[in-house]
């Protein structure tokens, strides 16, 4: 991978200096992982997908490539890299993993670990049409702007849950994906 841009170097330094909060002990036992792919460019970008409308769960939602941990997966990092290859043809060897964020709980009862990785700027991805409707880039500087995320408190089973909402171009980013981006922003904010 070529040298990182100054903006990406600052991001990586801030990310690695700020250790995430310890995991919440009451997380579900079913595990999943997502890749939070950041493209190494003079103006770094975050790579996101819109899930296929034909999927049973989370159809049409903006997401990171990822999914459930298989029994054969050596680690959750391996899960994230395997899923990114299956969904958008990102070769695992092209990803420079720089760390993970604290696990979050999905609405479907999974403990999801976000794996942050840097992609080369010349990588050509290809969406697996059975799982991904589209792939798009969001400038990292814009993605990390905290003011772009609005809170919404919802009731589920008598418990209030806060979810985060945001728009980028024609893409509605909400729920776990928006929460992960927001957490990343909180971790690297100076």
N, C-alpha and C. Protein backbone atom coordinates (compact mmCIF):
# COMPACT_ATOMS: atom_id res chain seq x y z
N UNK A 1 0.85 -1.17 0.00
CA UNK A 1 0.00 0.00 0.00
C UNK A 1 0.90 1.23 0.00
N UNK A 2 0.59 2.22 -0.88
CA UNK A 2 1.40 3.44 -0.90
C UNK A 2 1.25 4.20 0.42
N UNK A 3 2.16 5.16 0.62
CA UNK A 3 2.09 5.97 1.83
C UNK A 3 0.73 6.62 1.94
N UNK A 4 0.27 6.78 3.17
CA UNK A 4 -1.02 7.38 3.43
C UNK A 4 -0.93 8.90 3.26
N UNK A 5 -2.04 9.51 2.89
CA UNK A 5 -2.10 10.96 2.78
C UNK A 5 -1.96 11.57 4.17
N UNK A 6 -1.59 12.86 4.26
CA UNK A 6 -1.49 13.49 5.58
C UNK A 6 -2.80 13.40 6.37
N UNK A 7 -3.93 13.57 5.68
CA UNK A 7 -5.23 13.49 6.37
C UNK A 7 -5.45 12.09 6.92
N UNK A 8 -5.09 11.07 6.15
CA UNK A 8 -5.27 9.70 6.61
C UNK A 8 -4.28 9.37 7.74
N UNK A 9 -3.07 9.88 7.65
CA UNK A 9 -2.09 9.68 8.73
C UNK A 9 -2.60 10.25 10.04
N UNK A 10 -3.19 11.47 10.00
CA UNK A 10 -3.74 12.09 11.21
C UNK A 10 -4.87 11.22 11.76
N UNK A 11 -5.74 10.72 10.87
CA UNK A 11 -6.84 9.86 11.30
C UNK A 11 -6.30 8.59 11.99
N UNK A 12 -5.34 7.93 11.36
CA UNK A 12 -4.78 6.68 11.91
C UNK A 12 -4.14 6.95 13.27
N UNK A 13 -3.38 8.03 13.37
CA UNK A 13 -2.73 8.37 14.64
C UNK A 13 -3.77 8.59 15.73
N UNK A 14 -4.81 9.38 15.45
CA UNK A 14 -5.85 9.64 16.44
C UNK A 14 -6.57 8.35 16.81
N UNK A 15 -6.87 7.52 15.82
CA UNK A 15 -7.58 6.26 16.07
C UNK A 15 -6.76 5.37 17.00
N UNK A 16 -5.47 5.25 16.74
CA UNK A 16 -4.65 4.35 17.52
C UNK A 16 -4.30 4.89 18.90
N UNK A 17 -4.32 6.20 19.07
CA UNK A 17 -4.03 6.79 20.37
C UNK A 17 -5.21 6.70 21.33
N UNK A 18 -6.41 6.65 20.80
CA UNK A 18 -7.61 6.62 21.62
C UNK A 18 -8.11 5.19 21.74
N UNK A 19 -7.93 4.60 22.87
CA UNK A 19 -8.40 3.23 23.09
C UNK A 19 -9.90 3.24 23.33
N UNK A 20 -10.64 2.31 22.72
CA UNK A 20 -12.09 2.27 22.92
C UNK A 20 -12.43 1.90 24.36
N UNK A 21 -13.65 2.26 24.75
CA UNK A 21 -14.16 1.89 26.06
C UNK A 21 -14.25 0.37 26.14
N UNK A 22 -14.12 -0.21 27.33
CA UNK A 22 -14.26 -1.66 27.45
C UNK A 22 -15.64 -2.11 27.01
N UNK A 23 -15.73 -3.33 26.50
CA UNK A 23 -16.99 -3.87 26.01
C UNK A 23 -17.99 -4.01 27.15
N UNK A 24 -19.25 -3.84 26.81
CA UNK A 24 -20.33 -4.02 27.77
C UNK A 24 -20.48 -5.51 28.04
N UNK A 25 -20.52 -5.93 29.31
CA UNK A 25 -20.52 -7.36 29.61
C UNK A 25 -21.80 -8.11 29.21
N UNK A 26 -22.92 -7.42 28.96
CA UNK A 26 -24.18 -8.08 28.68
C UNK A 26 -24.46 -8.21 27.18
N UNK A 27 -23.45 -8.35 26.35
CA UNK A 27 -23.66 -8.45 24.90
C UNK A 27 -24.13 -9.85 24.52
N UNK A 28 -24.85 -9.97 23.41
CA UNK A 28 -25.30 -11.28 22.94
C UNK A 28 -24.11 -12.20 22.63
N UNK A 29 -24.38 -13.50 22.63
CA UNK A 29 -23.31 -14.46 22.35
C UNK A 29 -23.13 -14.72 20.86
N UNK A 30 -24.16 -14.46 20.05
CA UNK A 30 -24.00 -14.64 18.60
C UNK A 30 -23.14 -13.49 18.08
N UNK A 31 -22.09 -13.84 17.33
CA UNK A 31 -21.12 -12.82 16.92
C UNK A 31 -21.16 -12.58 15.41
N UNK A 32 -20.85 -11.33 15.08
CA UNK A 32 -20.73 -10.90 13.69
C UNK A 32 -19.65 -9.81 13.66
N UNK A 33 -19.22 -9.48 12.46
CA UNK A 33 -18.23 -8.41 12.30
C UNK A 33 -18.49 -7.68 11.00
N UNK A 34 -18.14 -6.40 10.98
CA UNK A 34 -18.22 -5.60 9.77
C UNK A 34 -16.87 -4.95 9.53
N UNK A 35 -16.56 -4.74 8.26
CA UNK A 35 -15.36 -4.00 7.90
C UNK A 35 -15.75 -2.54 7.71
N UNK A 36 -15.03 -1.64 8.39
CA UNK A 36 -15.21 -0.20 8.22
C UNK A 36 -14.07 0.22 7.30
N UNK A 37 -14.30 0.17 5.96
CA UNK A 37 -13.20 0.40 5.01
C UNK A 37 -12.98 1.88 4.70
N UNK A 38 -11.75 2.32 4.89
CA UNK A 38 -11.37 3.70 4.60
C UNK A 38 -10.38 3.67 3.45
N UNK A 39 -10.71 4.41 2.40
CA UNK A 39 -9.89 4.42 1.18
C UNK A 39 -8.77 5.44 1.34
N UNK A 40 -7.54 4.98 1.09
CA UNK A 40 -6.33 5.81 1.21
C UNK A 40 -6.23 6.72 -0.01
N UNK A 41 -6.67 7.95 0.16
CA UNK A 41 -6.61 8.97 -0.89
C UNK A 41 -6.14 10.27 -0.26
N UNK A 42 -5.74 11.25 -1.08
CA UNK A 42 -5.42 12.56 -0.50
C UNK A 42 -6.58 13.07 0.37
N UNK A 43 -7.81 12.82 -0.08
CA UNK A 43 -9.00 13.08 0.75
C UNK A 43 -9.63 11.72 1.02
N UNK A 44 -9.29 11.09 2.15
CA UNK A 44 -9.77 9.73 2.44
C UNK A 44 -11.30 9.64 2.37
N UNK A 45 -11.78 8.45 2.04
CA UNK A 45 -13.22 8.22 1.92
C UNK A 45 -13.61 6.94 2.65
N UNK A 46 -14.84 6.91 3.10
CA UNK A 46 -15.41 5.74 3.75
C UNK A 46 -16.21 4.99 2.69
N UNK A 47 -16.02 3.67 2.61
CA UNK A 47 -16.74 2.85 1.64
C UNK A 47 -17.96 2.22 2.33
N UNK A 48 -19.13 2.43 1.74
CA UNK A 48 -20.38 1.90 2.29
C UNK A 48 -21.15 1.16 1.20
N UNK A 49 -22.11 0.34 1.62
CA UNK A 49 -22.95 -0.38 0.67
C UNK A 49 -24.41 -0.11 0.98
N UNK A 50 -25.25 -0.32 -0.01
CA UNK A 50 -26.69 -0.39 0.22
C UNK A 50 -27.07 -1.84 -0.05
N UNK A 51 -27.66 -2.47 0.97
CA UNK A 51 -28.01 -3.88 0.87
C UNK A 51 -29.13 -4.09 -0.16
N UNK A 52 -29.10 -5.25 -0.79
CA UNK A 52 -30.09 -5.58 -1.82
C UNK A 52 -31.50 -5.55 -1.23
N UNK A 53 -32.44 -5.08 -2.02
CA UNK A 53 -33.84 -4.99 -1.58
C UNK A 53 -34.48 -6.36 -1.41
N UNK A 54 -33.86 -7.40 -1.95
CA UNK A 54 -34.43 -8.75 -1.89
C UNK A 54 -34.02 -9.52 -0.64
N UNK A 55 -33.15 -8.97 0.19
CA UNK A 55 -32.69 -9.68 1.39
C UNK A 55 -33.79 -9.77 2.44
N UNK A 56 -33.76 -10.84 3.23
CA UNK A 56 -34.75 -11.05 4.29
C UNK A 56 -34.58 -10.04 5.42
N UNK A 57 -33.35 -9.73 5.79
CA UNK A 57 -33.09 -8.82 6.91
C UNK A 57 -32.32 -7.59 6.43
N UNK A 58 -32.74 -6.45 6.92
CA UNK A 58 -32.08 -5.16 6.65
C UNK A 58 -32.05 -4.82 5.15
N UNK A 59 -33.05 -5.25 4.42
CA UNK A 59 -33.12 -4.99 2.97
C UNK A 59 -33.09 -3.49 2.70
N UNK A 60 -32.27 -3.08 1.73
CA UNK A 60 -32.19 -1.70 1.30
C UNK A 60 -31.48 -0.75 2.24
N UNK A 61 -30.96 -1.25 3.34
CA UNK A 61 -30.30 -0.37 4.31
C UNK A 61 -28.84 -0.13 3.92
N UNK A 62 -28.35 1.05 4.29
CA UNK A 62 -26.92 1.35 4.14
C UNK A 62 -26.18 0.59 5.22
N UNK A 63 -25.08 -0.05 4.83
CA UNK A 63 -24.33 -0.89 5.77
C UNK A 63 -22.86 -0.93 5.40
N UNK A 64 -22.09 -1.48 6.33
CA UNK A 64 -20.72 -1.85 6.04
C UNK A 64 -20.73 -3.30 5.58
N UNK A 65 -19.76 -3.72 4.76
CA UNK A 65 -19.68 -5.14 4.43
C UNK A 65 -19.43 -5.94 5.70
N UNK A 66 -20.16 -7.01 5.87
CA UNK A 66 -19.96 -7.82 7.06
C UNK A 66 -21.05 -8.84 7.24
N UNK A 67 -20.92 -9.63 8.29
CA UNK A 67 -21.92 -10.63 8.57
C UNK A 67 -21.55 -11.52 9.74
N UNK A 68 -22.28 -12.62 9.84
CA UNK A 68 -22.16 -13.54 10.96
C UNK A 68 -20.83 -14.30 10.92
N UNK A 69 -20.30 -14.53 12.11
CA UNK A 69 -19.07 -15.32 12.23
C UNK A 69 -19.38 -16.78 11.97
N UNK A 70 -18.62 -17.39 11.06
CA UNK A 70 -18.75 -18.82 10.78
C UNK A 70 -17.89 -19.61 11.77
N UNK A 71 -18.24 -20.85 12.00
CA UNK A 71 -17.47 -21.70 12.91
C UNK A 71 -16.01 -21.82 12.48
N UNK A 72 -15.75 -21.74 11.18
CA UNK A 72 -14.39 -21.90 10.66
C UNK A 72 -13.56 -20.62 10.76
N UNK A 73 -14.19 -19.48 11.05
CA UNK A 73 -13.46 -18.21 11.12
C UNK A 73 -12.51 -18.19 12.31
N UNK A 74 -11.26 -17.85 12.05
CA UNK A 74 -10.23 -17.82 13.09
C UNK A 74 -10.42 -16.67 14.08
N UNK A 75 -11.04 -15.59 13.62
CA UNK A 75 -11.23 -14.41 14.46
C UNK A 75 -12.34 -13.55 13.85
N UNK A 76 -12.74 -12.53 14.59
CA UNK A 76 -13.74 -11.61 14.06
C UNK A 76 -13.15 -10.72 12.97
N UNK A 77 -11.86 -10.46 13.04
CA UNK A 77 -11.21 -9.73 11.94
C UNK A 77 -11.29 -10.57 10.67
N UNK A 78 -11.03 -11.86 10.79
CA UNK A 78 -11.15 -12.76 9.64
C UNK A 78 -12.58 -12.73 9.10
N UNK A 79 -13.58 -12.74 9.99
CA UNK A 79 -14.99 -12.68 9.57
C UNK A 79 -15.25 -11.43 8.74
N UNK A 80 -14.81 -10.28 9.23
CA UNK A 80 -15.04 -9.02 8.52
C UNK A 80 -14.38 -9.03 7.15
N UNK A 81 -13.15 -9.54 7.08
CA UNK A 81 -12.43 -9.58 5.80
C UNK A 81 -13.08 -10.58 4.83
N UNK A 82 -13.50 -11.72 5.33
CA UNK A 82 -14.17 -12.73 4.50
C UNK A 82 -15.47 -12.17 3.93
N UNK A 83 -16.26 -11.55 4.78
CA UNK A 83 -17.54 -10.99 4.34
C UNK A 83 -17.33 -9.85 3.33
N UNK A 84 -16.32 -9.01 3.54
CA UNK A 84 -16.04 -7.93 2.59
C UNK A 84 -15.66 -8.49 1.23
N UNK A 85 -14.93 -9.61 1.22
CA UNK A 85 -14.58 -10.24 -0.04
C UNK A 85 -15.84 -10.82 -0.71
N UNK A 86 -16.69 -11.45 0.07
CA UNK A 86 -17.92 -12.04 -0.49
C UNK A 86 -18.88 -10.98 -1.01
N UNK A 87 -19.01 -9.87 -0.31
CA UNK A 87 -20.00 -8.87 -0.66
C UNK A 87 -19.54 -7.87 -1.72
N UNK A 88 -18.28 -7.42 -1.63
CA UNK A 88 -17.82 -6.39 -2.56
C UNK A 88 -16.46 -6.68 -3.19
N UNK A 89 -16.02 -7.93 -3.11
CA UNK A 89 -14.79 -8.39 -3.77
C UNK A 89 -13.54 -7.64 -3.32
N UNK A 90 -13.46 -7.31 -2.04
CA UNK A 90 -12.25 -6.70 -1.50
C UNK A 90 -11.33 -7.84 -1.06
N UNK A 91 -10.16 -7.99 -1.71
CA UNK A 91 -9.25 -9.06 -1.29
C UNK A 91 -8.74 -8.81 0.14
N UNK A 92 -8.82 -9.80 1.01
CA UNK A 92 -8.37 -9.60 2.41
C UNK A 92 -6.93 -9.09 2.51
N UNK A 93 -6.06 -9.54 1.62
CA UNK A 93 -4.66 -9.13 1.69
C UNK A 93 -4.45 -7.66 1.32
N UNK A 94 -5.48 -7.02 0.74
CA UNK A 94 -5.34 -5.61 0.37
C UNK A 94 -5.76 -4.67 1.50
N UNK A 95 -6.28 -5.22 2.60
CA UNK A 95 -6.77 -4.41 3.72
C UNK A 95 -5.70 -4.34 4.81
N UNK A 96 -5.36 -3.11 5.20
CA UNK A 96 -4.46 -2.91 6.34
C UNK A 96 -5.34 -2.64 7.56
N UNK A 97 -5.52 -3.65 8.40
CA UNK A 97 -6.36 -3.50 9.59
C UNK A 97 -5.61 -2.65 10.62
N UNK A 98 -6.27 -1.60 11.10
CA UNK A 98 -5.63 -0.72 12.09
C UNK A 98 -6.24 -0.88 13.49
N UNK A 99 -7.33 -1.63 13.60
CA UNK A 99 -7.92 -1.85 14.92
C UNK A 99 -9.39 -2.14 14.86
N UNK A 100 -10.00 -2.22 16.02
CA UNK A 100 -11.45 -2.49 16.12
C UNK A 100 -12.08 -1.46 17.05
N UNK A 101 -13.37 -1.26 16.85
CA UNK A 101 -14.17 -0.43 17.75
C UNK A 101 -14.88 -1.35 18.73
N UNK A 102 -15.43 -0.81 19.82
CA UNK A 102 -16.17 -1.65 20.75
C UNK A 102 -17.35 -2.33 20.05
N UNK A 103 -17.66 -3.57 20.41
CA UNK A 103 -18.80 -4.27 19.81
C UNK A 103 -20.11 -3.54 20.10
N UNK A 104 -21.04 -3.66 19.16
CA UNK A 104 -22.38 -3.10 19.32
C UNK A 104 -23.39 -4.23 19.16
N UNK A 105 -24.58 -4.02 19.65
CA UNK A 105 -25.62 -5.03 19.53
C UNK A 105 -26.54 -4.65 18.38
N UNK A 106 -26.77 -5.61 17.48
CA UNK A 106 -27.67 -5.37 16.36
C UNK A 106 -29.11 -5.61 16.80
N UNK A 107 -30.05 -5.10 16.01
CA UNK A 107 -31.48 -5.31 16.31
C UNK A 107 -31.88 -6.77 16.16
N UNK A 108 -31.03 -7.56 15.49
CA UNK A 108 -31.33 -8.98 15.31
C UNK A 108 -30.62 -9.85 16.34
N UNK A 109 -30.02 -9.22 17.36
CA UNK A 109 -29.45 -9.96 18.47
C UNK A 109 -28.04 -10.48 18.29
N UNK A 110 -27.23 -9.77 17.51
CA UNK A 110 -25.83 -10.14 17.32
C UNK A 110 -24.94 -9.14 18.02
N UNK A 111 -23.80 -9.63 18.51
CA UNK A 111 -22.72 -8.77 18.97
C UNK A 111 -21.87 -8.52 17.72
N UNK A 112 -21.83 -7.26 17.26
CA UNK A 112 -21.14 -6.92 16.01
C UNK A 112 -19.88 -6.13 16.32
N UNK A 113 -18.73 -6.64 15.85
CA UNK A 113 -17.45 -5.97 16.05
C UNK A 113 -17.06 -5.21 14.78
N UNK A 114 -16.94 -3.87 14.84
CA UNK A 114 -16.48 -3.10 13.69
C UNK A 114 -14.95 -3.17 13.59
N UNK A 115 -14.46 -3.60 12.44
CA UNK A 115 -13.03 -3.73 12.17
C UNK A 115 -12.65 -2.61 11.21
N UNK A 116 -11.75 -1.73 11.64
CA UNK A 116 -11.35 -0.58 10.82
C UNK A 116 -10.15 -0.97 9.97
N UNK A 117 -10.27 -0.77 8.67
CA UNK A 117 -9.19 -1.13 7.75
C UNK A 117 -8.99 -0.09 6.68
N UNK A 118 -7.76 0.02 6.21
CA UNK A 118 -7.39 0.97 5.16
C UNK A 118 -7.27 0.21 3.84
N UNK A 119 -7.90 0.76 2.79
CA UNK A 119 -7.85 0.17 1.45
C UNK A 119 -6.98 1.03 0.54
N UNK A 120 -6.26 0.41 -0.39
CA UNK A 120 -5.51 1.20 -1.37
C UNK A 120 -6.48 1.97 -2.28
N UNK A 121 -6.03 3.10 -2.80
CA UNK A 121 -6.93 3.93 -3.61
C UNK A 121 -7.20 3.36 -5.00
N UNK A 122 -6.44 2.37 -5.42
CA UNK A 122 -6.62 1.82 -6.77
C UNK A 122 -7.40 0.51 -6.78
N UNK A 123 -8.00 0.16 -5.67
CA UNK A 123 -8.73 -1.10 -5.56
C UNK A 123 -10.06 -1.02 -6.31
N UNK A 124 -10.32 -2.03 -7.13
CA UNK A 124 -11.60 -2.09 -7.84
C UNK A 124 -12.50 -3.08 -7.12
N UNK A 125 -13.62 -2.61 -6.58
CA UNK A 125 -14.55 -3.52 -5.92
C UNK A 125 -15.70 -3.81 -6.86
N UNK A 126 -16.38 -4.90 -6.57
CA UNK A 126 -17.51 -5.32 -7.40
C UNK A 126 -18.58 -5.88 -6.46
N UNK A 127 -19.78 -5.31 -6.53
CA UNK A 127 -20.85 -5.73 -5.64
C UNK A 127 -21.39 -7.10 -6.02
N UNK A 128 -21.57 -7.96 -5.03
CA UNK A 128 -22.26 -9.22 -5.19
C UNK A 128 -23.75 -8.86 -5.24
N UNK A 129 -24.36 -8.93 -6.42
CA UNK A 129 -25.72 -8.44 -6.60
C UNK A 129 -26.76 -9.17 -5.75
N UNK A 130 -26.46 -10.37 -5.31
CA UNK A 130 -27.39 -11.10 -4.44
C UNK A 130 -27.48 -10.45 -3.06
N UNK A 131 -26.42 -9.72 -2.66
CA UNK A 131 -26.38 -9.13 -1.32
C UNK A 131 -26.32 -7.60 -1.31
N UNK A 132 -25.75 -7.01 -2.37
CA UNK A 132 -25.47 -5.58 -2.36
C UNK A 132 -26.06 -4.91 -3.60
N UNK A 133 -26.90 -3.91 -3.36
CA UNK A 133 -27.50 -3.15 -4.46
C UNK A 133 -26.52 -2.14 -5.04
N UNK A 134 -25.78 -1.45 -4.16
CA UNK A 134 -24.84 -0.45 -4.63
C UNK A 134 -23.71 -0.26 -3.62
N UNK A 135 -22.61 0.29 -4.12
CA UNK A 135 -21.43 0.62 -3.31
C UNK A 135 -21.16 2.10 -3.54
N UNK A 136 -20.90 2.84 -2.46
CA UNK A 136 -20.63 4.26 -2.63
C UNK A 136 -19.58 4.72 -1.63
N UNK A 137 -19.02 5.89 -1.91
CA UNK A 137 -18.01 6.49 -1.05
C UNK A 137 -18.56 7.75 -0.41
N UNK A 138 -18.17 7.96 0.83
CA UNK A 138 -18.52 9.17 1.56
C UNK A 138 -17.21 9.78 2.05
N UNK A 139 -16.94 11.05 1.76
CA UNK A 139 -15.68 11.63 2.24
C UNK A 139 -15.55 11.43 3.76
N UNK A 140 -14.39 10.95 4.20
CA UNK A 140 -14.19 10.65 5.60
C UNK A 140 -14.41 11.88 6.47
N UNK A 141 -13.92 13.02 6.02
CA UNK A 141 -14.09 14.25 6.80
C UNK A 141 -15.57 14.54 7.03
N UNK A 142 -16.40 14.32 6.02
CA UNK A 142 -17.84 14.54 6.17
C UNK A 142 -18.47 13.47 7.05
N UNK A 143 -18.05 12.22 6.88
CA UNK A 143 -18.60 11.12 7.68
C UNK A 143 -18.33 11.34 9.17
N UNK A 144 -17.18 11.91 9.51
CA UNK A 144 -16.79 12.08 10.90
C UNK A 144 -17.31 13.37 11.53
N UNK A 145 -18.07 14.16 10.78
CA UNK A 145 -18.64 15.40 11.32
C UNK A 145 -19.82 15.05 12.22
N UNK A 146 -19.63 15.18 13.53
CA UNK A 146 -20.65 14.77 14.50
C UNK A 146 -22.00 15.44 14.29
N UNK A 147 -22.00 16.69 13.86
CA UNK A 147 -23.24 17.43 13.69
C UNK A 147 -24.17 16.86 12.63
N UNK A 148 -23.68 15.95 11.81
CA UNK A 148 -24.53 15.38 10.76
C UNK A 148 -25.44 14.28 11.27
N UNK A 149 -25.25 13.81 12.52
CA UNK A 149 -26.03 12.70 13.07
C UNK A 149 -27.07 13.23 14.05
N UNK A 150 -28.32 12.89 13.79
CA UNK A 150 -29.43 13.30 14.65
C UNK A 150 -29.91 12.10 15.46
N UNK A 151 -30.17 12.30 16.75
CA UNK A 151 -30.65 11.18 17.57
C UNK A 151 -32.16 10.97 17.40
N UNK A 152 -32.58 9.73 17.58
CA UNK A 152 -34.00 9.38 17.62
C UNK A 152 -34.15 8.30 18.69
N UNK A 153 -34.99 8.57 19.66
CA UNK A 153 -35.24 7.59 20.73
C UNK A 153 -36.49 6.79 20.37
N UNK A 154 -36.35 5.47 20.38
CA UNK A 154 -37.48 4.59 20.06
C UNK A 154 -37.71 3.63 21.22
N UNK A 155 -38.93 3.14 21.34
CA UNK A 155 -39.28 2.17 22.36
C UNK A 155 -39.33 0.78 21.73
N UNK A 156 -38.64 -0.18 22.35
CA UNK A 156 -38.70 -1.57 21.91
C UNK A 156 -38.75 -2.43 23.15
N UNK A 157 -39.82 -3.20 23.29
CA UNK A 157 -40.01 -4.08 24.45
C UNK A 157 -39.92 -3.29 25.76
N UNK A 158 -40.48 -2.08 25.76
CA UNK A 158 -40.51 -1.28 26.97
C UNK A 158 -39.20 -0.60 27.32
N UNK A 159 -38.22 -0.70 26.45
CA UNK A 159 -36.91 -0.09 26.70
C UNK A 159 -36.65 0.97 25.64
N UNK A 160 -36.14 2.13 26.07
CA UNK A 160 -35.81 3.20 25.14
C UNK A 160 -34.42 2.94 24.55
N UNK A 161 -34.36 3.00 23.22
CA UNK A 161 -33.09 2.84 22.50
C UNK A 161 -32.86 4.10 21.69
N UNK A 162 -31.63 4.58 21.72
CA UNK A 162 -31.27 5.74 20.90
C UNK A 162 -30.62 5.23 19.62
N UNK A 163 -31.14 5.70 18.49
CA UNK A 163 -30.51 5.40 17.21
C UNK A 163 -30.12 6.74 16.57
N UNK A 164 -29.20 6.65 15.62
CA UNK A 164 -28.69 7.85 14.97
C UNK A 164 -29.08 7.83 13.51
N UNK A 165 -29.37 9.02 12.96
CA UNK A 165 -29.84 9.18 11.60
C UNK A 165 -29.00 10.21 10.86
N UNK A 166 -28.81 9.98 9.55
CA UNK A 166 -28.08 10.94 8.74
C UNK A 166 -28.39 10.68 7.27
N UNK A 167 -28.29 11.71 6.45
CA UNK A 167 -28.41 11.57 5.00
C UNK A 167 -27.08 11.91 4.37
N UNK A 168 -26.75 11.21 3.29
CA UNK A 168 -25.60 11.58 2.46
C UNK A 168 -26.03 11.34 1.02
N UNK A 169 -26.07 12.40 0.24
CA UNK A 169 -26.60 12.33 -1.13
C UNK A 169 -27.98 11.66 -1.08
N UNK A 170 -28.18 10.57 -1.79
CA UNK A 170 -29.48 9.88 -1.79
C UNK A 170 -29.51 8.72 -0.81
N UNK A 171 -28.56 8.65 0.08
CA UNK A 171 -28.46 7.52 1.00
C UNK A 171 -28.86 7.92 2.42
N UNK A 172 -29.79 7.17 2.99
CA UNK A 172 -30.23 7.35 4.37
C UNK A 172 -29.41 6.40 5.24
N UNK A 173 -28.59 6.96 6.10
CA UNK A 173 -27.70 6.18 6.96
C UNK A 173 -28.27 6.26 8.37
N UNK A 174 -28.58 5.11 8.95
CA UNK A 174 -29.20 5.12 10.27
C UNK A 174 -28.86 3.84 11.02
N UNK A 175 -29.32 3.80 12.27
CA UNK A 175 -29.17 2.59 13.07
C UNK A 175 -27.73 2.27 13.39
N UNK A 176 -27.41 0.98 13.30
CA UNK A 176 -26.09 0.51 13.69
C UNK A 176 -24.99 1.15 12.84
N UNK A 177 -25.21 1.29 11.55
CA UNK A 177 -24.18 1.87 10.67
C UNK A 177 -23.87 3.31 11.07
N UNK A 178 -24.90 4.13 11.26
CA UNK A 178 -24.69 5.51 11.68
C UNK A 178 -24.03 5.55 13.06
N UNK A 179 -24.44 4.65 13.95
CA UNK A 179 -23.86 4.59 15.28
C UNK A 179 -22.38 4.24 15.26
N UNK A 180 -21.99 3.32 14.37
CA UNK A 180 -20.58 2.95 14.25
C UNK A 180 -19.75 4.13 13.72
N UNK A 181 -20.27 4.81 12.70
CA UNK A 181 -19.54 5.97 12.16
C UNK A 181 -19.41 7.04 13.23
N UNK A 182 -20.49 7.28 13.95
CA UNK A 182 -20.47 8.29 15.02
C UNK A 182 -19.46 7.89 16.10
N UNK A 183 -19.42 6.61 16.48
CA UNK A 183 -18.46 6.15 17.49
C UNK A 183 -17.02 6.35 16.99
N UNK A 184 -16.79 6.06 15.72
CA UNK A 184 -15.48 6.29 15.13
C UNK A 184 -15.10 7.75 15.22
N UNK A 185 -16.07 8.63 14.94
CA UNK A 185 -15.82 10.07 15.03
C UNK A 185 -15.48 10.49 16.45
N UNK A 186 -16.21 9.96 17.43
CA UNK A 186 -15.94 10.28 18.84
C UNK A 186 -14.54 9.82 19.23
N UNK A 187 -14.11 8.69 18.68
CA UNK A 187 -12.80 8.16 19.04
C UNK A 187 -11.65 8.99 18.47
N UNK A 188 -11.84 9.59 17.31
CA UNK A 188 -10.72 10.31 16.68
C UNK A 188 -10.83 11.82 16.81
N UNK A 189 -11.89 12.32 17.45
CA UNK A 189 -12.05 13.76 17.62
C UNK A 189 -10.94 14.31 18.50
N UNK A 190 -10.36 15.39 18.03
CA UNK A 190 -9.26 16.00 18.77
C UNK A 190 -9.76 16.85 19.90
